[in-house]
Every structure is written in C-alpha cells, then in structure tokens.
Amino acid sequence: TLAGLGLVPHHFVTYYGFQIGVSLQAVL
C-alpha cells in the first residue's frame, strides 16, 4: 500500500510481498 502511494520505493518485496504474505497466511 505504501509503495502504491509512492511513499516507499517500488521493488520485488513491496510489489510481491503482499501476495507472498497471503500465501503464508492462508497456510497459517
């Protein structure tokens, strides 16, 4: 979200981190 608002840099973690977090969260 912060990267989408331009408040933090755009890179792999800020772009795919949400999706990776959802993957881990679904298992948890």
mmCIF file of all heavy atoms, coordinates in Angstrom:
data_MODEL
# 
_entry.id   MODEL 
# 
loop_
_atom_site.group_PDB 
_atom_site.id 
_atom_site.type_symbol 
_atom_site.label_atom_id 
_atom_site.label_alt_id 
_atom_site.label_comp_id 
_atom_site.label_asym_id 
_atom_site.label_entity_id 
_atom_site.label_seq_id 
_atom_site.pdbx_PDB_ins_code 
_atom_site.Cartn_x 
_atom_site.Cartn_y 
_atom_site.Cartn_z 
_atom_site.occupancy 
_atom_site.B_iso_or_equiv 
_atom_site.pdbx_formal_charge 
_atom_site.auth_seq_id 
_atom_site.auth_comp_id 
_atom_site.auth_asym_id 
_atom_site.auth_atom_id 
_atom_site.pdbx_PDB_model_num 
ATOM 1   N N   . THR A 1 1  ? 0.827  -1.211  0.000   1.00 0.00 ? 1  THR A N   1 
ATOM 2   C CA  . THR A 1 1  ? 0.000  0.000   0.000   1.00 0.00 ? 1  THR A CA  1 
ATOM 3   C C   . THR A 1 1  ? 0.858  1.257   0.000   1.00 0.00 ? 1  THR A C   1 
ATOM 4   O O   . THR A 1 1  ? 0.593  2.207   -0.751  1.00 0.00 ? 1  THR A O   1 
ATOM 5   C CB  . THR A 1 1  ? -0.930 -0.007  1.222   1.00 0.00 ? 1  THR A CB  1 
ATOM 6   O OG1 . THR A 1 1  ? -1.741 -1.184  1.200   1.00 0.00 ? 1  THR A OG1 1 
ATOM 7   C CG2 . THR A 1 1  ? -1.820 1.216   1.239   1.00 0.00 ? 1  THR A CG2 1 
ATOM 8   N N   . LEU A 1 2  ? 1.889  1.277   0.827   1.00 0.00 ? 2  LEU A N   1 
ATOM 9   C CA  . LEU A 1 2  ? 2.760  2.461   0.891   1.00 0.00 ? 2  LEU A CA  1 
ATOM 10  C C   . LEU A 1 2  ? 3.485  2.681   -0.427  1.00 0.00 ? 2  LEU A C   1 
ATOM 11  O O   . LEU A 1 2  ? 3.665  3.821   -0.873  1.00 0.00 ? 2  LEU A O   1 
ATOM 12  C CB  . LEU A 1 2  ? 3.760  2.310   2.037   1.00 0.00 ? 2  LEU A CB  1 
ATOM 13  C CG  . LEU A 1 2  ? 3.157  2.297   3.451   1.00 0.00 ? 2  LEU A CG  1 
ATOM 14  C CD1 . LEU A 1 2  ? 4.247  2.072   4.489   1.00 0.00 ? 2  LEU A CD1 1 
ATOM 15  C CD2 . LEU A 1 2  ? 2.421  3.607   3.731   1.00 0.00 ? 2  LEU A CD2 1 
ATOM 16  N N   . ALA A 1 3  ? 3.890  1.573   -1.063  1.00 0.00 ? 3  ALA A N   1 
ATOM 17  C CA  . ALA A 1 3  ? 4.535  1.718   -2.370  1.00 0.00 ? 3  ALA A CA  1 
ATOM 18  C C   . ALA A 1 3  ? 3.537  2.231   -3.404  1.00 0.00 ? 3  ALA A C   1 
ATOM 19  O O   . ALA A 1 3  ? 3.888  3.027   -4.281  1.00 0.00 ? 3  ALA A O   1 
ATOM 20  C CB  . ALA A 1 3  ? 5.126  0.384   -2.810  1.00 0.00 ? 3  ALA A CB  1 
ATOM 21  N N   . GLY A 1 4  ? 2.272  1.787   -3.309  1.00 0.00 ? 4  GLY A N   1 
ATOM 22  C CA  . GLY A 1 4  ? 1.254  2.261   -4.232  1.00 0.00 ? 4  GLY A CA  1 
ATOM 23  C C   . GLY A 1 4  ? 0.985  3.739   -4.085  1.00 0.00 ? 4  GLY A C   1 
ATOM 24  O O   . GLY A 1 4  ? 0.615  4.413   -5.055  1.00 0.00 ? 4  GLY A O   1 
ATOM 25  N N   . LEU A 1 5  ? 1.181  4.264   -2.898  1.00 0.00 ? 5  LEU A N   1 
ATOM 26  C CA  . LEU A 1 5  ? 1.002  5.700   -2.662  1.00 0.00 ? 5  LEU A CA  1 
ATOM 27  C C   . LEU A 1 5  ? 2.276  6.486   -2.932  1.00 0.00 ? 5  LEU A C   1 
ATOM 28  O O   . LEU A 1 5  ? 2.294  7.713   -2.761  1.00 0.00 ? 5  LEU A O   1 
ATOM 29  C CB  . LEU A 1 5  ? 0.543  5.930   -1.220  1.00 0.00 ? 5  LEU A CB  1 
ATOM 30  C CG  . LEU A 1 5  ? -0.816 5.313   -0.854  1.00 0.00 ? 5  LEU A CG  1 
ATOM 31  C CD1 . LEU A 1 5  ? -1.111 5.505   0.628   1.00 0.00 ? 5  LEU A CD1 1 
ATOM 32  C CD2 . LEU A 1 5  ? -1.941 5.907   -1.706  1.00 0.00 ? 5  LEU A CD2 1 
ATOM 33  N N   . GLY A 1 6  ? 3.343  5.785   -3.329  1.00 0.00 ? 6  GLY A N   1 
ATOM 34  C CA  . GLY A 1 6  ? 4.602  6.450   -3.639  1.00 0.00 ? 6  GLY A CA  1 
ATOM 35  C C   . GLY A 1 6  ? 5.410  6.847   -2.426  1.00 0.00 ? 6  GLY A C   1 
ATOM 36  O O   . GLY A 1 6  ? 6.323  7.670   -2.530  1.00 0.00 ? 6  GLY A O   1 
ATOM 37  N N   . LEU A 1 7  ? 5.110  6.248   -1.263  1.00 0.00 ? 7  LEU A N   1 
ATOM 38  C CA  . LEU A 1 7  ? 5.793  6.633   -0.029  1.00 0.00 ? 7  LEU A CA  1 
ATOM 39  C C   . LEU A 1 7  ? 7.044  5.801   0.237   1.00 0.00 ? 7  LEU A C   1 
ATOM 40  O O   . LEU A 1 7  ? 7.890  6.199   1.030   1.00 0.00 ? 7  LEU A O   1 
ATOM 41  C CB  . LEU A 1 7  ? 4.823  6.516   1.155   1.00 0.00 ? 7  LEU A CB  1 
ATOM 42  C CG  . LEU A 1 7  ? 3.557  7.376   1.041   1.00 0.00 ? 7  LEU A CG  1 
ATOM 43  C CD1 . LEU A 1 7  ? 2.638  7.145   2.228   1.00 0.00 ? 7  LEU A CD1 1 
ATOM 44  C CD2 . LEU A 1 7  ? 3.925  8.862   0.933   1.00 0.00 ? 7  LEU A CD2 1 
ATOM 45  N N   . VAL A 1 8  ? 7.145  4.616   -0.373  1.00 0.00 ? 8  VAL A N   1 
ATOM 46  C CA  . VAL A 1 8  ? 8.348  3.787   -0.244  1.00 0.00 ? 8  VAL A CA  1 
ATOM 47  C C   . VAL A 1 8  ? 8.727  3.327   -1.643  1.00 0.00 ? 8  VAL A C   1 
ATOM 48  O O   . VAL A 1 8  ? 7.908  3.336   -2.566  1.00 0.00 ? 8  VAL A O   1 
ATOM 49  C CB  . VAL A 1 8  ? 8.118  2.564   0.686   1.00 0.00 ? 8  VAL A CB  1 
ATOM 50  C CG1 . VAL A 1 8  ? 7.755  3.009   2.092   1.00 0.00 ? 8  VAL A CG1 1 
ATOM 51  C CG2 . VAL A 1 8  ? 7.037  1.657   0.117   1.00 0.00 ? 8  VAL A CG2 1 
ATOM 52  N N   . PRO A 1 9  ? 9.978  2.915   -1.854  1.00 0.00 ? 9  PRO A N   1 
ATOM 53  C CA  . PRO A 1 9  ? 10.404 2.504   -3.201  1.00 0.00 ? 9  PRO A CA  1 
ATOM 54  C C   . PRO A 1 9  ? 9.641  1.277   -3.691  1.00 0.00 ? 9  PRO A C   1 
ATOM 55  O O   . PRO A 1 9  ? 9.155  0.460   -2.917  1.00 0.00 ? 9  PRO A O   1 
ATOM 56  C CB  . PRO A 1 9  ? 11.900 2.195   -3.018  1.00 0.00 ? 9  PRO A CB  1 
ATOM 57  C CG  . PRO A 1 9  ? 12.298 2.914   -1.778  1.00 0.00 ? 9  PRO A CG  1 
ATOM 58  C CD  . PRO A 1 9  ? 11.100 2.925   -0.893  1.00 0.00 ? 9  PRO A CD  1 
ATOM 59  N N   . HIS A 1 10 ? 9.585  1.170   -4.997  1.00 0.00 ? 10 HIS A N   1 
ATOM 60  C CA  . HIS A 1 10 ? 8.980  0.006   -5.645  1.00 0.00 ? 10 HIS A CA  1 
ATOM 61  C C   . HIS A 1 10 ? 10.074 -1.008  -5.945  1.00 0.00 ? 10 HIS A C   1 
ATOM 62  O O   . HIS A 1 10 ? 11.073 -0.691  -6.606  1.00 0.00 ? 10 HIS A O   1 
ATOM 63  C CB  . HIS A 1 10 ? 8.289  0.441   -6.945  1.00 0.00 ? 10 HIS A CB  1 
ATOM 64  C CG  . HIS A 1 10 ? 7.905  -0.706  -7.830  1.00 0.00 ? 10 HIS A CG  1 
ATOM 65  N ND1 . HIS A 1 10 ? 6.916  -1.600  -7.500  1.00 0.00 ? 10 HIS A ND1 1 
ATOM 66  C CD2 . HIS A 1 10 ? 8.394  -1.116  -9.036  1.00 0.00 ? 10 HIS A CD2 1 
ATOM 67  C CE1 . HIS A 1 10 ? 6.797  -2.502  -8.460  1.00 0.00 ? 10 HIS A CE1 1 
ATOM 68  N NE2 . HIS A 1 10 ? 7.686  -2.233  -9.414  1.00 0.00 ? 10 HIS A NE2 1 
ATOM 69  N N   . HIS A 1 11 ? 9.911  -2.217  -5.417  1.00 0.00 ? 11 HIS A N   1 
ATOM 70  C CA  . HIS A 1 11 ? 10.841 -3.301  -5.742  1.00 0.00 ? 11 HIS A CA  1 
ATOM 71  C C   . HIS A 1 11 ? 10.116 -4.625  -5.511  1.00 0.00 ? 11 HIS A C   1 
ATOM 72  O O   . HIS A 1 11 ? 8.896  -4.656  -5.238  1.00 0.00 ? 11 HIS A O   1 
ATOM 73  C CB  . HIS A 1 11 ? 12.136 -3.223  -4.926  1.00 0.00 ? 11 HIS A CB  1 
ATOM 74  C CG  . HIS A 1 11 ? 11.939 -2.980  -3.466  1.00 0.00 ? 11 HIS A CG  1 
ATOM 75  N ND1 . HIS A 1 11 ? 11.411 -3.912  -2.611  1.00 0.00 ? 11 HIS A ND1 1 
ATOM 76  C CD2 . HIS A 1 11 ? 12.191 -1.872  -2.704  1.00 0.00 ? 11 HIS A CD2 1 
ATOM 77  C CE1 . HIS A 1 11 ? 11.359 -3.436  -1.394  1.00 0.00 ? 11 HIS A CE1 1 
ATOM 78  N NE2 . HIS A 1 11 ? 11.819 -2.188  -1.410  1.00 0.00 ? 11 HIS A NE2 1 
ATOM 79  N N   . PHE A 1 12 ? 10.838 -5.731  -5.591  1.00 0.00 ? 12 PHE A N   1 
ATOM 80  C CA  . PHE A 1 12 ? 10.205 -7.052  -5.521  1.00 0.00 ? 12 PHE A CA  1 
ATOM 81  C C   . PHE A 1 12 ? 9.435  -7.236  -4.222  1.00 0.00 ? 12 PHE A C   1 
ATOM 82  O O   . PHE A 1 12 ? 8.304  -7.736  -4.219  1.00 0.00 ? 12 PHE A O   1 
ATOM 83  C CB  . PHE A 1 12 ? 11.278 -8.141  -5.661  1.00 0.00 ? 12 PHE A CB  1 
ATOM 84  C CG  . PHE A 1 12 ? 10.726 -9.535  -5.579  1.00 0.00 ? 12 PHE A CG  1 
ATOM 85  C CD1 . PHE A 1 12 ? 10.232 -10.167 -6.710  1.00 0.00 ? 12 PHE A CD1 1 
ATOM 86  C CD2 . PHE A 1 12 ? 10.687 -10.230 -4.372  1.00 0.00 ? 12 PHE A CD2 1 
ATOM 87  C CE1 . PHE A 1 12 ? 9.715  -11.457 -6.647  1.00 0.00 ? 12 PHE A CE1 1 
ATOM 88  C CE2 . PHE A 1 12 ? 10.174 -11.511 -4.294  1.00 0.00 ? 12 PHE A CE2 1 
ATOM 89  C CZ  . PHE A 1 12 ? 9.682  -12.122 -5.449  1.00 0.00 ? 12 PHE A CZ  1 
ATOM 90  N N   . VAL A 1 13 ? 10.015 -6.839  -3.090  1.00 0.00 ? 13 VAL A N   1 
ATOM 91  C CA  . VAL A 1 13 ? 9.375  -7.060  -1.792  1.00 0.00 ? 13 VAL A CA  1 
ATOM 92  C C   . VAL A 1 13 ? 8.102  -6.242  -1.659  1.00 0.00 ? 13 VAL A C   1 
ATOM 93  O O   . VAL A 1 13 ? 7.061  -6.744  -1.203  1.00 0.00 ? 13 VAL A O   1 
ATOM 94  C CB  . VAL A 1 13 ? 10.361 -6.743  -0.655  1.00 0.00 ? 13 VAL A CB  1 
ATOM 95  C CG1 . VAL A 1 13 ? 9.657  -6.824  0.702   1.00 0.00 ? 13 VAL A CG1 1 
ATOM 96  C CG2 . VAL A 1 13 ? 11.537 -7.708  -0.691  1.00 0.00 ? 13 VAL A CG2 1 
ATOM 97  N N   . THR A 1 14 ? 8.141  -4.963  -2.070  1.00 0.00 ? 14 THR A N   1 
ATOM 98  C CA  . THR A 1 14 ? 6.951  -4.128  -1.920  1.00 0.00 ? 14 THR A CA  1 
ATOM 99  C C   . THR A 1 14 ? 5.873  -4.467  -2.941  1.00 0.00 ? 14 THR A C   1 
ATOM 100 O O   . THR A 1 14 ? 4.698  -4.149  -2.729  1.00 0.00 ? 14 THR A O   1 
ATOM 101 C CB  . THR A 1 14 ? 7.315  -2.637  -2.049  1.00 0.00 ? 14 THR A CB  1 
ATOM 102 O OG1 . THR A 1 14 ? 7.947  -2.416  -3.326  1.00 0.00 ? 14 THR A OG1 1 
ATOM 103 C CG2 . THR A 1 14 ? 8.251  -2.214  -0.947  1.00 0.00 ? 14 THR A CG2 1 
ATOM 104 N N   . TYR A 1 15 ? 6.255  -5.114  -4.055  1.00 0.00 ? 15 TYR A N   1 
ATOM 105 C CA  . TYR A 1 15 ? 5.263  -5.464  -5.074  1.00 0.00 ? 15 TYR A CA  1 
ATOM 106 C C   . TYR A 1 15 ? 4.680  -6.859  -4.843  1.00 0.00 ? 15 TYR A C   1 
ATOM 107 O O   . TYR A 1 15 ? 3.478  -7.070  -4.950  1.00 0.00 ? 15 TYR A O   1 
ATOM 108 C CB  . TYR A 1 15 ? 5.901  -5.378  -6.464  1.00 0.00 ? 15 TYR A CB  1 
ATOM 109 C CG  . TYR A 1 15 ? 4.903  -5.518  -7.592  1.00 0.00 ? 15 TYR A CG  1 
ATOM 110 C CD1 . TYR A 1 15 ? 3.881  -4.580  -7.766  1.00 0.00 ? 15 TYR A CD1 1 
ATOM 111 C CD2 . TYR A 1 15 ? 4.983  -6.574  -8.491  1.00 0.00 ? 15 TYR A CD2 1 
ATOM 112 C CE1 . TYR A 1 15 ? 2.965  -4.704  -8.796  1.00 0.00 ? 15 TYR A CE1 1 
ATOM 113 C CE2 . TYR A 1 15 ? 4.064  -6.705  -9.534  1.00 0.00 ? 15 TYR A CE2 1 
ATOM 114 C CZ  . TYR A 1 15 ? 3.066  -5.764  -9.687  1.00 0.00 ? 15 TYR A CZ  1 
ATOM 115 O OH  . TYR A 1 15 ? 2.160  -5.885  -10.704 1.00 0.00 ? 15 TYR A OH  1 
ATOM 116 N N   . TYR A 1 16 ? 5.537  -7.828  -4.518  1.00 0.00 ? 16 TYR A N   1 
ATOM 117 C CA  . TYR A 1 16 ? 5.079  -9.208  -4.343  1.00 0.00 ? 16 TYR A CA  1 
ATOM 118 C C   . TYR A 1 16 ? 4.936  -9.606  -2.875  1.00 0.00 ? 16 TYR A C   1 
ATOM 119 O O   . TYR A 1 16 ? 4.452  -10.698 -2.584  1.00 0.00 ? 16 TYR A O   1 
ATOM 120 C CB  . TYR A 1 16 ? 6.041  -10.185 -5.025  1.00 0.00 ? 16 TYR A CB  1 
ATOM 121 C CG  . TYR A 1 16 ? 5.968  -10.160 -6.527  1.00 0.00 ? 16 TYR A CG  1 
ATOM 122 C CD1 . TYR A 1 16 ? 6.949  -9.519  -7.271  1.00 0.00 ? 16 TYR A CD1 1 
ATOM 123 C CD2 . TYR A 1 16 ? 4.918  -10.760 -7.202  1.00 0.00 ? 16 TYR A CD2 1 
ATOM 124 C CE1 . TYR A 1 16 ? 6.881  -9.479  -8.659  1.00 0.00 ? 16 TYR A CE1 1 
ATOM 125 C CE2 . TYR A 1 16 ? 4.843  -10.733 -8.583  1.00 0.00 ? 16 TYR A CE2 1 
ATOM 126 C CZ  . TYR A 1 16 ? 5.832  -10.086 -9.310  1.00 0.00 ? 16 TYR A CZ  1 
ATOM 127 O OH  . TYR A 1 16 ? 5.764  -10.059 -10.672 1.00 0.00 ? 16 TYR A OH  1 
ATOM 128 N N   . GLY A 1 17 ? 5.367  -8.740  -1.953  1.00 0.00 ? 17 GLY A N   1 
ATOM 129 C CA  . GLY A 1 17 ? 5.303  -9.095  -0.530  1.00 0.00 ? 17 GLY A CA  1 
ATOM 130 C C   . GLY A 1 17 ? 3.892  -9.378  -0.053  1.00 0.00 ? 17 GLY A C   1 
ATOM 131 O O   . GLY A 1 17 ? 3.664  -10.284 0.759   1.00 0.00 ? 17 GLY A O   1 
ATOM 132 N N   . PHE A 1 18 ? 2.928  -8.605  -0.550  1.00 0.00 ? 18 PHE A N   1 
ATOM 133 C CA  . PHE A 1 18 ? 1.535  -8.812  -0.164  1.00 0.00 ? 18 PHE A CA  1 
ATOM 134 C C   . PHE A 1 18 ? 1.071  -10.200 -0.593  1.00 0.00 ? 18 PHE A C   1 
ATOM 135 O O   . PHE A 1 18 ? 0.455  -10.945 0.170   1.00 0.00 ? 18 PHE A O   1 
ATOM 136 C CB  . PHE A 1 18 ? 0.684  -7.720  -0.800  1.00 0.00 ? 18 PHE A CB  1 
ATOM 137 C CG  . PHE A 1 18 ? -0.772 -7.749  -0.410  1.00 0.00 ? 18 PHE A CG  1 
ATOM 138 C CD1 . PHE A 1 18 ? -1.206 -8.423  0.731   1.00 0.00 ? 18 PHE A CD1 1 
ATOM 139 C CD2 . PHE A 1 18 ? -1.720 -7.091  -1.179  1.00 0.00 ? 18 PHE A CD2 1 
ATOM 140 C CE1 . PHE A 1 18 ? -2.543 -8.441  1.091   1.00 0.00 ? 18 PHE A CE1 1 
ATOM 141 C CE2 . PHE A 1 18 ? -3.056 -7.107  -0.831  1.00 0.00 ? 18 PHE A CE2 1 
ATOM 142 C CZ  . PHE A 1 18 ? -3.465 -7.786  0.297   1.00 0.00 ? 18 PHE A CZ  1 
ATOM 143 N N   . GLN A 1 19 ? 1.397  -10.581 -1.823  1.00 0.00 ? 19 GLN A N   1 
ATOM 144 C CA  . GLN A 1 19 ? 0.969  -11.881 -2.335  1.00 0.00 ? 19 GLN A CA  1 
ATOM 145 C C   . GLN A 1 19 ? 1.664  -13.020 -1.607  1.00 0.00 ? 19 GLN A C   1 
ATOM 146 O O   . GLN A 1 19 ? 1.041  -14.039 -1.280  1.00 0.00 ? 19 GLN A O   1 
ATOM 147 C CB  . GLN A 1 19 ? 1.266  -11.957 -3.836  1.00 0.00 ? 19 GLN A CB  1 
ATOM 148 C CG  . GLN A 1 19 ? 0.540  -13.083 -4.543  1.00 0.00 ? 19 GLN A CG  1 
ATOM 149 C CD  . GLN A 1 19 ? 0.672  -12.978 -6.049  1.00 0.00 ? 19 GLN A CD  1 
ATOM 150 O OE1 . GLN A 1 19 ? 1.408  -12.140 -6.567  1.00 0.00 ? 19 GLN A OE1 1 
ATOM 151 N NE2 . GLN A 1 19 ? -0.042 -13.829 -6.763  1.00 0.00 ? 19 GLN A NE2 1 
ATOM 152 N N   . ILE A 1 20 ? 2.955  -12.848 -1.319  1.00 0.00 ? 20 ILE A N   1 
ATOM 153 C CA  . ILE A 1 20 ? 3.665  -13.881 -0.556  1.00 0.00 ? 20 ILE A CA  1 
ATOM 154 C C   . ILE A 1 20 ? 3.080  -13.984 0.854   1.00 0.00 ? 20 ILE A C   1 
ATOM 155 O O   . ILE A 1 20 ? 2.895  -15.077 1.400   1.00 0.00 ? 20 ILE A O   1 
ATOM 156 C CB  . ILE A 1 20 ? 5.172  -13.560 -0.497  1.00 0.00 ? 20 ILE A CB  1 
ATOM 157 C CG1 . ILE A 1 20 ? 5.774  -13.606 -1.904  1.00 0.00 ? 20 ILE A CG1 1 
ATOM 158 C CG2 . ILE A 1 20 ? 5.910  -14.531 0.409   1.00 0.00 ? 20 ILE A CG2 1 
ATOM 159 C CD1 . ILE A 1 20 ? 7.208  -13.145 -1.979  1.00 0.00 ? 20 ILE A CD1 1 
ATOM 160 N N   . GLY A 1 21 ? 2.774  -12.817 1.453   1.00 0.00 ? 21 GLY A N   1 
ATOM 161 C CA  . GLY A 1 21 ? 2.174  -12.822 2.785   1.00 0.00 ? 21 GLY A CA  1 
ATOM 162 C C   . GLY A 1 21 ? 0.832  -13.530 2.811   1.00 0.00 ? 21 GLY A C   1 
ATOM 163 O O   . GLY A 1 21 ? 0.528  -14.273 3.749   1.00 0.00 ? 21 GLY A O   1 
ATOM 164 N N   . VAL A 1 22 ? 0.015  -13.337 1.765   1.00 0.00 ? 22 VAL A N   1 
ATOM 165 C CA  . VAL A 1 22 ? -1.276 -14.021 1.689   1.00 0.00 ? 22 VAL A CA  1 
ATOM 166 C C   . VAL A 1 22 ? -1.071 -15.529 1.562   1.00 0.00 ? 22 VAL A C   1 
ATOM 167 O O   . VAL A 1 22 ? -1.810 -16.327 2.153   1.00 0.00 ? 22 VAL A O   1 
ATOM 168 C CB  . VAL A 1 22 ? -2.102 -13.473 0.510   1.00 0.00 ? 22 VAL A CB  1 
ATOM 169 C CG1 . VAL A 1 22 ? -3.325 -14.343 0.248   1.00 0.00 ? 22 VAL A CG1 1 
ATOM 170 C CG2 . VAL A 1 22 ? -2.536 -12.042 0.803   1.00 0.00 ? 22 VAL A CG2 1 
ATOM 171 N N   . SER A 1 23 ? -0.041 -15.946 0.788   1.00 0.00 ? 23 SER A N   1 
ATOM 172 C CA  . SER A 1 23 ? 0.243  -17.378 0.644   1.00 0.00 ? 23 SER A CA  1 
ATOM 173 C C   . SER A 1 23 ? 0.560  -17.998 2.000   1.00 0.00 ? 23 SER A C   1 
ATOM 174 O O   . SER A 1 23 ? -0.002 -19.038 2.374   1.00 0.00 ? 23 SER A O   1 
ATOM 175 C CB  . SER A 1 23 ? 1.427  -17.594 -0.312  1.00 0.00 ? 23 SER A CB  1 
ATOM 176 O OG  . SER A 1 23 ? 1.194  -16.997 -1.559  1.00 0.00 ? 23 SER A OG  1 
ATOM 177 N N   . LEU A 1 24 ? 1.469  -17.354 2.747   1.00 0.00 ? 24 LEU A N   1 
ATOM 178 C CA  . LEU A 1 24 ? 1.834  -17.885 4.063   1.00 0.00 ? 24 LEU A CA  1 
ATOM 179 C C   . LEU A 1 24 ? 0.658  -17.799 5.028   1.00 0.00 ? 24 LEU A C   1 
ATOM 180 O O   . LEU A 1 24 ? 0.429  -18.698 5.835   1.00 0.00 ? 24 LEU A O   1 
ATOM 181 C CB  . LEU A 1 24 ? 3.031  -17.115 4.611   1.00 0.00 ? 24 LEU A CB  1 
ATOM 182 C CG  . LEU A 1 24 ? 4.337  -17.249 3.815   1.00 0.00 ? 24 LEU A CG  1 
ATOM 183 C CD1 . LEU A 1 24 ? 5.409  -16.334 4.387   1.00 0.00 ? 24 LEU A CD1 1 
ATOM 184 C CD2 . LEU A 1 24 ? 4.822  -18.684 3.824   1.00 0.00 ? 24 LEU A CD2 1 
ATOM 185 N N   . GLN A 1 25 ? -0.096 -16.696 4.928   1.00 0.00 ? 25 GLN A N   1 
ATOM 186 C CA  . GLN A 1 25 ? -1.218 -16.521 5.846   1.00 0.00 ? 25 GLN A CA  1 
ATOM 187 C C   . GLN A 1 25 ? -2.285 -17.583 5.631   1.00 0.00 ? 25 GLN A C   1 
ATOM 188 O O   . GLN A 1 25 ? -2.888 -18.077 6.588   1.00 0.00 ? 25 GLN A O   1 
ATOM 189 C CB  . GLN A 1 25 ? -1.824 -15.136 5.655   1.00 0.00 ? 25 GLN A CB  1 
ATOM 190 C CG  . GLN A 1 25 ? -2.910 -14.824 6.681   1.00 0.00 ? 25 GLN A CG  1 
ATOM 191 C CD  . GLN A 1 25 ? -4.007 -13.987 6.070   1.00 0.00 ? 25 GLN A CD  1 
ATOM 192 O OE1 . GLN A 1 25 ? -4.291 -14.080 4.890   1.00 0.00 ? 25 GLN A OE1 1 
ATOM 193 N NE2 . GLN A 1 25 ? -4.650 -13.191 6.897   1.00 0.00 ? 25 GLN A NE2 1 
ATOM 194 N N   . ALA A 1 26 ? -2.534 -17.949 4.358   1.00 0.00 ? 26 ALA A N   1 
ATOM 195 C CA  . ALA A 1 26 ? -3.555 -18.958 4.083   1.00 0.00 ? 26 ALA A CA  1 
ATOM 196 C C   . ALA A 1 26 ? -3.213 -20.274 4.766   1.00 0.00 ? 26 ALA A C   1 
ATOM 197 O O   . ALA A 1 26 ? -4.090 -20.955 5.304   1.00 0.00 ? 26 ALA A O   1 
ATOM 198 C CB  . ALA A 1 26 ? -3.686 -19.161 2.576   1.00 0.00 ? 26 ALA A CB  1 
ATOM 199 N N   . VAL A 1 27 ? -1.912 -20.620 4.773   1.00 0.00 ? 27 VAL A N   1 
ATOM 200 C CA  . VAL A 1 27 ? -1.488 -21.850 5.448   1.00 0.00 ? 27 VAL A CA  1 
ATOM 201 C C   . VAL A 1 27 ? -1.637 -21.701 6.963   1.00 0.00 ? 27 VAL A C   1 
ATOM 202 O O   . VAL A 1 27 ? -2.148 -22.598 7.651   1.00 0.00 ? 27 VAL A O   1 
ATOM 203 C CB  . VAL A 1 27 ? -0.030 -22.182 5.077   1.00 0.00 ? 27 VAL A CB  1 
ATOM 204 C CG1 . VAL A 1 27 ? 0.450  -23.408 5.849   1.00 0.00 ? 27 VAL A CG1 1 
ATOM 205 C CG2 . VAL A 1 27 ? 0.094  -22.422 3.576   1.00 0.00 ? 27 VAL A CG2 1 
ATOM 206 N N   . LEU A 1 28 ? -1.211 -20.560 7.502   1.00 0.00 ? 28 LEU A N   1 
ATOM 207 C CA  . LEU A 1 28 ? -1.289 -20.337 8.948   1.00 0.00 ? 28 LEU A CA  1 
ATOM 208 C C   . LEU A 1 28 ? -2.736 -20.295 9.424   1.00 0.00 ? 28 LEU A C   1 
ATOM 209 O O   . LEU A 1 28 ? -3.058 -20.757 10.525  1.00 0.00 ? 28 LEU A O   1 
ATOM 210 C CB  . LEU A 1 28 ? -0.567 -19.046 9.326   1.00 0.00 ? 28 LEU A CB  1 
ATOM 211 C CG  . LEU A 1 28 ? 0.960  -19.072 9.175   1.00 0.00 ? 28 LEU A CG  1 
ATOM 212 C CD1 . LEU A 1 28 ? 1.543  -17.686 9.378   1.00 0.00 ? 28 LEU A CD1 1 
ATOM 213 C CD2 . LEU A 1 28 ? 1.579  -20.056 10.155  1.00 0.00 ? 28 LEU A CD2 1 
# 
